[in-house]
């Protein structure tokens, strides 16, 4: 299949998924209750006319199809409308998205910088003491629930030693504890994948041929073996991005990090539908985009994939 046709096919599939996900989100969040009644609070004396005026002001008197179309057309132009309580959504969402991406990409980068070289080393020295240590470390990292690890890091480094801030964003130093919390889980998982795939690749015939030709071990490992092994890691990273977004919600709450997770939880508490719908839709689009990027990376790593 030509490359442009392959990209167009994947882009159309991604667009269909985005429309299906946003439609489901718009329907599901309206099952949680009436935000107009929520806004009335303790004002039990308000009349039905007052309630009707609130619903009209919030646009809740329109049909579901009209409300969804307004949201979808706004999504295409970056206009998410107004929050029920906090004004225009776009700047609020932009700040939260920036904080979440900063945390997610930092954690992922640190994880790859640690897991790839350690995984390669463990595979090359299979059965050695270092390999055993790497396997124990990765298994230990997988055993920690991220919320528990976050709380322990706060108790040690913030409460006991007072080296790092416990919550919020107070400059780059605030990134350390939440990034370590997420990075430990990611590193443990990626380490096992890199080690396993490298072990499998190093036993392939083309690796033996490369060594028989007299290529240096460095060239065999980093030019031939790593490229073939990276397909499995890239596949997992695409799937991992979705679970990473879910894990970030918990970690952001533990550290009071001003990201998408904290924004979504606050929106649920206030029944602020426009913000909740925008947050979940943007996160869904990010996950779809990450998987689309993985498909494109496949072609760069193995051009035979586009022909399938």
C-alpha atoms as a PDB file:
ATOM      1  CA  UNK A   1       0.000   0.000   0.000  1.00  0.00           C
ATOM      2  CA  UNK A   2       1.446   3.454  -0.911  1.00  0.00           C
ATOM      3  CA  UNK A   3       2.603   5.452   2.073  1.00  0.00           C
ATOM      4  CA  UNK A   4       0.112   8.297   1.556  1.00  0.00           C
ATOM      5  CA  UNK A   5      -2.766   5.812   1.313  1.00  0.00           C
ATOM      6  CA  UNK A   6      -1.571   4.090   4.478  1.00  0.00           C
ATOM      7  CA  UNK A   7      -1.405   7.407   6.364  1.00  0.00           C
ATOM      8  CA  UNK A   8      -4.834   8.480   5.055  1.00  0.00           C
ATOM      9  CA  UNK A   9      -6.375   5.158   6.126  1.00  0.00           C
ATOM     10  CA  UNK A  10      -4.933   5.429   9.636  1.00  0.00           C
ATOM     11  CA  UNK A  11      -5.993   9.106   9.919  1.00  0.00           C
ATOM     12  CA  UNK A  12      -9.597   8.264   8.938  1.00  0.00           C
ATOM     13  CA  UNK A  13      -9.693   5.448  11.483  1.00  0.00           C
ATOM     14  CA  UNK A  14      -8.391   7.844  14.151  1.00  0.00           C
ATOM     15  CA  UNK A  15     -11.031  10.452  13.202  1.00  0.00           C
ATOM     16  CA  UNK A  16     -13.807   7.866  13.486  1.00  0.00           C
ATOM     17  CA  UNK A  17     -12.558   6.831  16.926  1.00  0.00           C
ATOM     18  CA  UNK A  18     -12.434  10.467  18.107  1.00  0.00           C
ATOM     19  CA  UNK A  19     -16.031  11.103  16.981  1.00  0.00           C
ATOM     20  CA  UNK A  20     -17.254   7.868  18.623  1.00  0.00           C
ATOM     21  CA  UNK A  21     -15.423   8.610  21.892  1.00  0.00           C
ATOM     22  CA  UNK A  22     -16.591  12.240  22.151  1.00  0.00           C
ATOM     23  CA  UNK A  23     -20.182  11.179  21.376  1.00  0.00           C
ATOM     24  CA  UNK A  24     -20.089   8.562  24.123  1.00  0.00           C
ATOM     25  CA  UNK A  25     -18.521  11.037  26.581  1.00  0.00           C
ATOM     26  CA  UNK A  26     -21.167  13.674  25.819  1.00  0.00           C
ATOM     27  CA  UNK A  27     -23.924  11.123  26.440  1.00  0.00           C
ATOM     28  CA  UNK A  28     -22.396   9.522  29.546  1.00  0.00           C
ATOM     29  CA  UNK A  29     -21.660  12.677  31.542  1.00  0.00           C
ATOM     30  CA  UNK A  30     -25.267  13.829  31.146  1.00  0.00           C
ATOM     31  CA  UNK A  31     -26.402  10.752  33.042  1.00  0.00           C
ATOM     32  CA  UNK A  32     -24.726  11.982  36.242  1.00  0.00           C
ATOM     33  CA  UNK A  33     -27.277  14.671  37.120  1.00  0.00           C
ATOM     34  CA  UNK A  34     -28.641  18.118  36.360  1.00  0.00           C
ATOM     35  CA  UNK A  35     -25.977  20.854  36.757  1.00  0.00           C
ATOM     36  CA  UNK A  36     -28.697  23.508  37.047  1.00  0.00           C
ATOM     37  CA  UNK A  37     -29.955  21.873  40.261  1.00  0.00           C
ATOM     38  CA  UNK A  38     -26.355  21.609  41.446  1.00  0.00           C
ATOM     39  CA  UNK A  39     -25.877  25.340  40.927  1.00  0.00           C
ATOM     40  CA  UNK A  40     -29.006  26.093  42.994  1.00  0.00           C
ATOM     41  CA  UNK A  41     -27.218  24.672  46.039  1.00  0.00           C
ATOM     42  CA  UNK A  42     -29.183  25.281  49.211  1.00  0.00           C
ATOM     43  CA  UNK A  43     -31.549  27.725  47.543  1.00  0.00           C
ATOM     44  CA  UNK A  44     -34.533  25.443  47.934  1.00  0.00           C
ATOM     45  CA  UNK A  45     -36.851  28.409  47.631  1.00  0.00           C
ATOM     46  CA  UNK A  46     -35.987  28.977  43.978  1.00  0.00           C
ATOM     47  CA  UNK A  47     -38.910  28.530  41.669  1.00  0.00           C
ATOM     48  CA  UNK A  48     -39.256  26.388  38.558  1.00  0.00           C
ATOM     49  CA  UNK A  49     -38.955  29.592  36.494  1.00  0.00           C
ATOM     50  CA  UNK A  50     -35.560  30.337  38.099  1.00  0.00           C
ATOM     51  CA  UNK A  51     -34.423  26.787  37.329  1.00  0.00           C
ATOM     52  CA  UNK A  52     -35.589  27.152  33.715  1.00  0.00           C
ATOM     53  CA  UNK A  53     -33.657  30.417  33.356  1.00  0.00           C
ATOM     54  CA  UNK A  54     -30.476  28.761  34.663  1.00  0.00           C
ATOM     55  CA  UNK A  55     -30.870  25.895  32.204  1.00  0.00           C
ATOM     56  CA  UNK A  56     -31.445  28.336  29.354  1.00  0.00           C
ATOM     57  CA  UNK A  57     -28.371  30.345  30.359  1.00  0.00           C
ATOM     58  CA  UNK A  58     -26.242  27.178  30.398  1.00  0.00           C
ATOM     59  CA  UNK A  59     -27.614  25.999  27.075  1.00  0.00           C
ATOM     60  CA  UNK A  60     -29.154  22.906  28.659  1.00  0.00           C
ATOM     61  CA  UNK A  61     -32.551  23.608  27.134  1.00  0.00           C
ATOM     62  CA  UNK A  62     -31.216  22.637  23.692  1.00  0.00           C
ATOM     63  CA  UNK A  63     -31.463  19.106  22.355  1.00  0.00           C
ATOM     64  CA  UNK A  64     -28.620  16.678  22.935  1.00  0.00           C
ATOM     65  CA  UNK A  65     -27.773  16.707  19.216  1.00  0.00           C
ATOM     66  CA  UNK A  66     -27.523  20.514  19.184  1.00  0.00           C
ATOM     67  CA  UNK A  67     -25.333  20.562  22.314  1.00  0.00           C
ATOM     68  CA  UNK A  68     -23.043  17.863  20.883  1.00  0.00           C
ATOM     69  CA  UNK A  69     -22.741  19.621  17.528  1.00  0.00           C
ATOM     70  CA  UNK A  70     -21.810  22.897  19.274  1.00  0.00           C
ATOM     71  CA  UNK A  71     -19.126  21.067  21.221  1.00  0.00           C
ATOM     72  CA  UNK A  72     -17.770  19.174  18.179  1.00  0.00           C
ATOM     73  CA  UNK A  73     -17.597  22.288  15.990  1.00  0.00           C
ATOM     74  CA  UNK A  74     -15.906  24.160  18.847  1.00  0.00           C
ATOM     75  CA  UNK A  75     -13.439  21.294  19.255  1.00  0.00           C
ATOM     76  CA  UNK A  76     -12.314  21.689  15.642  1.00  0.00           C
ATOM     77  CA  UNK A  77     -11.593  25.405  16.153  1.00  0.00           C
ATOM     78  CA  UNK A  78     -10.179  25.166  19.680  1.00  0.00           C
ATOM     79  CA  UNK A  79     -13.194  26.971  21.125  1.00  0.00           C
ATOM     80  CA  UNK A  80     -14.418  24.854  24.029  1.00  0.00           C
ATOM     81  CA  UNK A  81     -16.973  27.401  25.214  1.00  0.00           C
ATOM     82  CA  UNK A  82     -17.380  28.565  28.802  1.00  0.00           C
ATOM     83  CA  UNK A  83     -17.259  26.717  32.075  1.00  0.00           C
ATOM     84  CA  UNK A  84     -20.356  26.851  34.263  1.00  0.00           C
ATOM     85  CA  UNK A  85     -18.281  28.477  37.012  1.00  0.00           C
ATOM     86  CA  UNK A  86     -14.850  29.590  35.691  1.00  0.00           C
ATOM     87  CA  UNK A  87     -15.276  31.435  32.378  1.00  0.00           C
ATOM     88  CA  UNK A  88     -13.633  30.447  29.049  1.00  0.00           C
ATOM     89  CA  UNK A  89     -12.394  26.858  29.037  1.00  0.00           C
ATOM     90  CA  UNK A  90      -9.572  27.160  26.479  1.00  0.00           C
ATOM     91  CA  UNK A  91      -7.017  28.956  28.740  1.00  0.00           C
ATOM     92  CA  UNK A  92      -7.892  26.721  31.724  1.00  0.00           C
ATOM     93  CA  UNK A  93      -7.485  23.627  29.575  1.00  0.00           C
ATOM     94  CA  UNK A  94      -4.257  24.934  28.052  1.00  0.00           C
ATOM     95  CA  UNK A  95      -2.620  25.441  31.453  1.00  0.00           C
ATOM     96  CA  UNK A  96      -3.696  21.994  32.690  1.00  0.00           C
ATOM     97  CA  UNK A  97      -2.652  20.264  29.462  1.00  0.00           C
ATOM     98  CA  UNK A  98       0.780  21.888  29.607  1.00  0.00           C
ATOM     99  CA  UNK A  99       1.309  20.707  33.195  1.00  0.00           C
ATOM    100  CA  UNK A 100       0.188  17.154  32.376  1.00  0.00           C
ATOM    101  CA  UNK A 101       2.338  16.892  29.243  1.00  0.00           C
ATOM    102  CA  UNK A 102       5.348  18.219  31.159  1.00  0.00           C
ATOM    103  CA  UNK A 103       4.888  15.546  33.806  1.00  0.00           C
ATOM    104  CA  UNK A 104       4.118  12.716  31.361  1.00  0.00           C
ATOM    105  CA  UNK A 105       6.951  13.419  28.910  1.00  0.00           C
ATOM    106  CA  UNK A 106       9.510  13.946  31.685  1.00  0.00           C
ATOM    107  CA  UNK A 107       8.547  10.637  33.301  1.00  0.00           C
ATOM    108  CA  UNK A 108       8.625   8.830  29.954  1.00  0.00           C
ATOM    109  CA  UNK A 109      11.989  10.314  28.938  1.00  0.00           C
ATOM    110  CA  UNK A 110      13.609   9.398  32.258  1.00  0.00           C
ATOM    111  CA  UNK A 111      12.135   5.914  32.006  1.00  0.00           C
ATOM    112  CA  UNK A 112      13.560   5.335  28.499  1.00  0.00           C
ATOM    113  CA  UNK A 113      16.970   6.753  29.421  1.00  0.00           C
ATOM    114  CA  UNK A 114      17.192   4.207  32.259  1.00  0.00           C
ATOM    115  CA  UNK A 115      15.345   1.175  30.894  1.00  0.00           C
ATOM    116  CA  UNK A 116      16.866   0.935  27.376  1.00  0.00           C
ATOM    117  CA  UNK A 117      20.577   0.769  28.330  1.00  0.00           C
ATOM    118  CA  UNK A 118      19.875  -1.368  31.420  1.00  0.00           C
ATOM    119  CA  UNK A 119      17.664  -3.744  29.418  1.00  0.00           C
ATOM    120  CA  UNK A 120      20.329  -4.120  26.721  1.00  0.00           C
ATOM    121  CA  UNK A 121      23.028  -4.722  29.324  1.00  0.00           C
ATOM    122  CA  UNK A 122      20.929  -7.342  31.119  1.00  0.00           C
ATOM    123  CA  UNK A 123      20.192  -9.151  27.838  1.00  0.00           C
ATOM    124  CA  UNK A 124      23.858  -9.183  26.802  1.00  0.00           C
ATOM    125  CA  UNK A 125      24.859 -10.573  30.217  1.00  0.00           C
ATOM    126  CA  UNK A 126      21.987 -13.000  30.698  1.00  0.00           C
ATOM    127  CA  UNK A 127      22.231 -15.006  33.912  1.00  0.00           C
ATOM    128  CA  UNK A 128      24.898 -12.749  35.419  1.00  0.00           C
ATOM    129  CA  UNK A 129      24.636 -11.070  38.815  1.00  0.00           C
ATOM    130  CA  UNK A 130      23.833  -7.753  37.114  1.00  0.00           C
ATOM    131  CA  UNK A 131      21.031  -9.434  35.147  1.00  0.00           C
ATOM    132  CA  UNK A 132      19.555 -10.828  38.367  1.00  0.00           C
ATOM    133  CA  UNK A 133      19.686  -7.385  39.981  1.00  0.00           C
ATOM    134  CA  UNK A 134      17.944  -5.793  36.999  1.00  0.00           C
ATOM    135  CA  UNK A 135      15.181  -8.424  37.085  1.00  0.00           C
ATOM    136  CA  UNK A 136      14.647  -7.961  40.832  1.00  0.00           C
ATOM    137  CA  UNK A 137      14.577  -4.179  40.478  1.00  0.00           C
ATOM    138  CA  UNK A 138      12.028  -4.320  37.645  1.00  0.00           C
ATOM    139  CA  UNK A 139       9.804  -6.743  39.566  1.00  0.00           C
ATOM    140  CA  UNK A 140      10.027  -4.553  42.673  1.00  0.00           C
ATOM    141  CA  UNK A 141       9.083  -1.466  40.667  1.00  0.00           C
ATOM    142  CA  UNK A 142       6.002  -3.220  39.292  1.00  0.00           C
ATOM    143  CA  UNK A 143       4.900  -4.150  42.813  1.00  0.00           C
ATOM    144  CA  UNK A 144       4.440  -0.543  43.998  1.00  0.00           C
ATOM    145  CA  UNK A 145       0.993   1.055  43.565  1.00  0.00           C
ATOM    146  CA  UNK A 146       1.700   4.563  42.277  1.00  0.00           C
ATOM    147  CA  UNK A 147      -0.434   6.319  44.908  1.00  0.00           C
ATOM    148  CA  UNK A 148       1.359   4.464  47.734  1.00  0.00           C
ATOM    149  CA  UNK A 149       4.782   5.237  46.272  1.00  0.00           C
ATOM    150  CA  UNK A 150       3.836   8.911  45.907  1.00  0.00           C
ATOM    151  CA  UNK A 151       2.735   9.147  49.528  1.00  0.00           C
ATOM    152  CA  UNK A 152       5.945   7.440  50.731  1.00  0.00           C
ATOM    153  CA  UNK A 153       8.089   9.857  48.705  1.00  0.00           C
ATOM    154  CA  UNK A 154       6.236  12.797  50.222  1.00  0.00           C
ATOM    155  CA  UNK A 155       6.718  11.434  53.752  1.00  0.00           C
ATOM    156  CA  UNK A 156      10.457  10.889  53.227  1.00  0.00           C
ATOM    157  CA  UNK A 157      11.603  13.795  51.056  1.00  0.00           C
ATOM    158  CA  UNK A 158       9.061  16.468  51.984  1.00  0.00           C
ATOM    159  CA  UNK A 159       7.904  15.776  55.533  1.00  0.00           C
ATOM    160  CA  UNK A 160      11.033  14.167  57.054  1.00  0.00           C
ATOM    161  CA  UNK A 161      13.963  15.816  55.236  1.00  0.00           C
ATOM    162  CA  UNK A 162      12.126  18.846  53.790  1.00  0.00           C
ATOM    163  CA  UNK A 163      14.210  18.649  50.613  1.00  0.00           C
ATOM    164  CA  UNK A 164      11.395  18.855  48.067  1.00  0.00           C
ATOM    165  CA  UNK A 165       7.922  20.433  47.942  1.00  0.00           C
ATOM    166  CA  UNK A 166       5.076  18.054  48.722  1.00  0.00           C
ATOM    167  CA  UNK A 167       2.452  19.449  46.380  1.00  0.00           C
ATOM    168  CA  UNK A 168       1.555  21.993  43.740  1.00  0.00           C
ATOM    169  CA  UNK A 169       3.865  23.590  41.193  1.00  0.00           C
ATOM    170  CA  UNK A 170       6.654  25.659  42.758  1.00  0.00           C
ATOM    171  CA  UNK A 171       9.175  25.582  39.925  1.00  0.00           C
ATOM    172  CA  UNK A 172      11.093  22.737  38.232  1.00  0.00           C
ATOM    173  CA  UNK A 173      11.964  21.146  41.589  1.00  0.00           C
ATOM    174  CA  UNK A 174       8.260  20.376  42.072  1.00  0.00           C
ATOM    175  CA  UNK A 175       8.471  18.006  39.119  1.00  0.00           C
ATOM    176  CA  UNK A 176      10.879  15.578  40.779  1.00  0.00           C
ATOM    177  CA  UNK A 177       8.614  13.623  43.140  1.00  0.00           C
ATOM    178  CA  UNK A 178       5.605  13.116  40.797  1.00  0.00           C
ATOM    179  CA  UNK A 179       7.937  12.301  37.867  1.00  0.00           C
ATOM    180  CA  UNK A 180       9.791   9.732  39.968  1.00  0.00           C
ATOM    181  CA  UNK A 181       6.483   8.211  41.101  1.00  0.00           C
ATOM    182  CA  UNK A 182       5.344   7.638  37.519  1.00  0.00           C
ATOM    183  CA  UNK A 183       8.836   6.927  36.207  1.00  0.00           C
ATOM    184  CA  UNK A 184       9.408   3.989  38.574  1.00  0.00           C
ATOM    185  CA  UNK A 185       6.403   2.103  37.200  1.00  0.00           C
ATOM    186  CA  UNK A 186       7.238   2.952  33.589  1.00  0.00           C
ATOM    187  CA  UNK A 187      10.902   2.018  34.000  1.00  0.00           C
ATOM    188  CA  UNK A 188      10.090  -1.330  35.561  1.00  0.00           C
ATOM    189  CA  UNK A 189       7.758  -2.236  32.698  1.00  0.00           C
ATOM    190  CA  UNK A 190       9.974  -0.951  29.883  1.00  0.00           C
ATOM    191  CA  UNK A 191      13.019  -2.648  31.390  1.00  0.00           C
ATOM    192  CA  UNK A 192      11.381  -6.065  31.171  1.00  0.00           C
ATOM    193  CA  UNK A 193      10.233  -5.449  27.587  1.00  0.00           C
ATOM    194  CA  UNK A 194      13.662  -4.270  26.390  1.00  0.00           C
ATOM    195  CA  UNK A 195      15.440  -7.183  28.070  1.00  0.00           C
ATOM    196  CA  UNK A 196      13.014  -9.801  26.718  1.00  0.00           C
ATOM    197  CA  UNK A 197      12.930  -8.488  23.142  1.00  0.00           C
ATOM    198  CA  UNK A 198      16.714  -8.050  23.049  1.00  0.00           C
ATOM    199  CA  UNK A 199      17.202 -11.632  24.248  1.00  0.00           C
ATOM    200  CA  UNK A 200      14.946 -12.851  21.451  1.00  0.00           C
ATOM    201  CA  UNK A 201      16.629 -10.666  18.802  1.00  0.00           C
ATOM    202  CA  UNK A 202      20.169 -11.595  19.812  1.00  0.00           C
ATOM    203  CA  UNK A 203      19.339 -15.236  19.067  1.00  0.00           C
ATOM    204  CA  UNK A 204      18.161 -14.468  15.508  1.00  0.00           C
ATOM    205  CA  UNK A 205      20.133 -15.733  12.542  1.00  0.00           C
ATOM    206  CA  UNK A 206      20.828 -12.270  11.099  1.00  0.00           C
ATOM    207  CA  UNK A 207      22.633 -11.319  14.320  1.00  0.00           C
ATOM    208  CA  UNK A 208      24.863 -14.386  13.984  1.00  0.00           C
ATOM    209  CA  UNK A 209      25.529 -13.436  10.341  1.00  0.00           C
ATOM    210  CA  UNK A 210      26.405  -9.866  11.354  1.00  0.00           C
ATOM    211  CA  UNK A 211      28.891 -11.160  13.926  1.00  0.00           C
ATOM    212  CA  UNK A 212      30.312 -13.666  11.422  1.00  0.00           C
ATOM    213  CA  UNK A 213      30.996 -10.752   9.038  1.00  0.00           C
ATOM    214  CA  UNK A 214      33.238  -9.241  11.684  1.00  0.00           C
ATOM    215  CA  UNK A 215      31.046  -6.269  12.642  1.00  0.00           C
ATOM    216  CA  UNK A 216      31.853  -4.711  15.966  1.00  0.00           C
ATOM    217  CA  UNK A 217      29.674  -5.733  18.913  1.00  0.00           C
ATOM    218  CA  UNK A 218      28.567  -2.127  19.273  1.00  0.00           C
ATOM    219  CA  UNK A 219      27.345  -2.079  15.653  1.00  0.00           C
ATOM    220  CA  UNK A 220      25.582  -5.448  16.065  1.00  0.00           C
ATOM    221  CA  UNK A 221      23.769  -4.305  19.214  1.00  0.00           C
ATOM    222  CA  UNK A 222      22.843  -0.704  18.433  1.00  0.00           C
ATOM    223  CA  UNK A 223      22.482  -0.824  14.629  1.00  0.00           C
ATOM    224  CA  UNK A 224      20.888  -4.230  14.051  1.00  0.00           C
ATOM    225  CA  UNK A 225      19.505  -5.708  17.277  1.00  0.00           C
ATOM    226  CA  UNK A 226      18.123  -2.542  18.893  1.00  0.00           C
ATOM    227  CA  UNK A 227      16.278  -1.443  15.749  1.00  0.00           C
ATOM    228  CA  UNK A 228      14.459  -4.776  15.456  1.00  0.00           C
ATOM    229  CA  UNK A 229      13.761  -4.926  19.184  1.00  0.00           C
ATOM    230  CA  UNK A 230      12.380  -1.387  19.298  1.00  0.00           C
ATOM    231  CA  UNK A 231       9.212  -2.374  17.361  1.00  0.00           C
ATOM    232  CA  UNK A 232       7.884  -4.206  20.428  1.00  0.00           C
ATOM    233  CA  UNK A 233       8.824  -1.302  22.701  1.00  0.00           C
ATOM    234  CA  UNK A 234       7.183   1.260  20.399  1.00  0.00           C
ATOM    235  CA  UNK A 235       4.031  -0.890  20.279  1.00  0.00           C
ATOM    236  CA  UNK A 236       3.891  -1.020  24.039  1.00  0.00           C
ATOM    237  CA  UNK A 237       4.580   2.717  24.411  1.00  0.00           C
ATOM    238  CA  UNK A 238       1.512   3.453  22.293  1.00  0.00           C
ATOM    239  CA  UNK A 239      -0.626   1.253  24.530  1.00  0.00           C
ATOM    240  CA  UNK A 240       1.176   2.533  27.608  1.00  0.00           C
ATOM    241  CA  UNK A 241       0.244   6.128  26.845  1.00  0.00           C
ATOM    242  CA  UNK A 242      -3.419   5.407  27.578  1.00  0.00           C
ATOM    243  CA  UNK A 243      -2.689   3.816  30.942  1.00  0.00           C
ATOM    244  CA  UNK A 244      -0.203   6.609  31.623  1.00  0.00           C
ATOM    245  CA  UNK A 245      -2.995   9.177  31.280  1.00  0.00           C
ATOM    246  CA  UNK A 246      -5.119   7.178  33.737  1.00  0.00           C
ATOM    247  CA  UNK A 247      -2.229   6.850  36.178  1.00  0.00           C
ATOM    248  CA  UNK A 248      -1.535  10.557  35.969  1.00  0.00           C
ATOM    249  CA  UNK A 249      -4.982  11.323  37.364  1.00  0.00           C
ATOM    250  CA  UNK A 250      -4.119   9.514  40.612  1.00  0.00           C
ATOM    251  CA  UNK A 251      -0.600  10.939  40.872  1.00  0.00           C
ATOM    252  CA  UNK A 252      -1.795  14.467  40.152  1.00  0.00           C
ATOM    253  CA  UNK A 253      -4.306  14.182  42.990  1.00  0.00           C
ATOM    254  CA  UNK A 254      -1.656  12.873  45.403  1.00  0.00           C
ATOM    255  CA  UNK A 255       0.702  15.770  44.586  1.00  0.00           C
ATOM    256  CA  UNK A 256      -2.025  18.351  43.903  1.00  0.00           C
ATOM    257  CA  UNK A 257      -0.432  18.774  40.472  1.00  0.00           C
ATOM    258  CA  UNK A 258      -2.353  21.354  38.374  1.00  0.00           C
ATOM    259  CA  UNK A 259      -2.903  19.037  35.412  1.00  0.00           C
ATOM    260  CA  UNK A 260      -5.753  17.459  33.483  1.00  0.00           C
ATOM    261  CA  UNK A 261      -6.479  14.845  36.155  1.00  0.00           C
ATOM    262  CA  UNK A 262      -6.979  17.400  38.914  1.00  0.00           C
ATOM    263  CA  UNK A 263      -9.061  19.556  36.575  1.00  0.00           C
ATOM    264  CA  UNK A 264     -11.275  16.573  35.664  1.00  0.00           C
ATOM    265  CA  UNK A 265     -11.865  15.539  39.282  1.00  0.00           C
ATOM    266  CA  UNK A 266     -12.789  19.107  40.266  1.00  0.00           C
ATOM    267  CA  UNK A 267     -15.149  19.291  37.285  1.00  0.00           C
ATOM    268  CA  UNK A 268     -16.852  16.061  38.380  1.00  0.00           C
ATOM    269  CA  UNK A 269     -17.311  17.430  41.905  1.00  0.00           C
ATOM    270  CA  UNK A 270     -18.930  20.597  40.511  1.00  0.00           C
ATOM    271  CA  UNK A 271     -20.769  18.828  37.683  1.00  0.00           C
ATOM    272  CA  UNK A 272     -19.099  21.293  35.353  1.00  0.00           C
ATOM    273  CA  UNK A 273     -20.022  19.425  32.153  1.00  0.00           C
ATOM    274  CA  UNK A 274     -18.257  21.668  29.625  1.00  0.00           C
ATOM    275  CA  UNK A 275     -14.861  21.349  31.354  1.00  0.00           C
ATOM    276  CA  UNK A 276     -15.273  17.618  32.019  1.00  0.00           C
ATOM    277  CA  UNK A 277     -16.304  16.978  28.417  1.00  0.00           C
ATOM    278  CA  UNK A 278     -13.372  19.023  27.086  1.00  0.00           C
ATOM    279  CA  UNK A 279     -10.815  17.339  29.375  1.00  0.00           C
ATOM    280  CA  UNK A 280     -11.865  13.783  28.577  1.00  0.00           C
ATOM    281  CA  UNK A 281     -12.160  14.519  24.847  1.00  0.00           C
ATOM    282  CA  UNK A 282      -8.688  16.088  24.667  1.00  0.00           C
ATOM    283  CA  UNK A 283      -7.186  13.165  26.582  1.00  0.00           C
ATOM    284  CA  UNK A 284      -8.931  10.717  24.235  1.00  0.00           C
ATOM    285  CA  UNK A 285      -7.597  12.631  21.212  1.00  0.00           C
ATOM    286  CA  UNK A 286      -4.081  12.507  22.689  1.00  0.00           C
ATOM    287  CA  UNK A 287      -4.317   8.730  23.117  1.00  0.00           C
ATOM    288  CA  UNK A 288      -5.609   8.282  19.551  1.00  0.00           C
ATOM    289  CA  UNK A 289      -2.861  10.577  18.238  1.00  0.00           C
ATOM    290  CA  UNK A 290      -0.209   8.625  20.162  1.00  0.00           C
ATOM    291  CA  UNK A 291      -1.373   5.360  18.599  1.00  0.00           C
ATOM    292  CA  UNK A 292      -1.433   6.987  15.152  1.00  0.00           C
ATOM    293  CA  UNK A 293       2.142   8.135  15.742  1.00  0.00           C
ATOM    294  CA  UNK A 294       3.068   4.563  16.688  1.00  0.00           C
ATOM    295  CA  UNK A 295       1.642   3.341  13.362  1.00  0.00           C
ATOM    296  CA  UNK A 296       3.803   5.856  11.518  1.00  0.00           C
ATOM    297  CA  UNK A 297       6.874   4.872  13.522  1.00  0.00           C
ATOM    298  CA  UNK A 298       6.299   1.272  12.433  1.00  0.00           C
ATOM    299  CA  UNK A 299       6.909   2.342   8.849  1.00  0.00           C
ATOM    300  CA  UNK A 300      10.160   4.024   9.794  1.00  0.00           C
ATOM    301  CA  UNK A 301      11.374   0.981  11.725  1.00  0.00           C
ATOM    302  CA  UNK A 302      10.119  -1.694   9.313  1.00  0.00           C
ATOM    303  CA  UNK A 303       8.884  -0.542   5.852  1.00  0.00           C
ATOM    304  CA  UNK A 304       7.389  -4.003   5.208  1.00  0.00           C
ATOM    305  CA  UNK A 305       4.531  -3.144   7.604  1.00  0.00           C
ATOM    306  CA  UNK A 306       2.966  -0.637   5.196  1.00  0.00           C
ATOM    307  CA  UNK A 307       2.563  -3.418   2.628  1.00  0.00           C
ATOM    308  CA  UNK A 308       0.422  -5.568   4.923  1.00  0.00           C
END
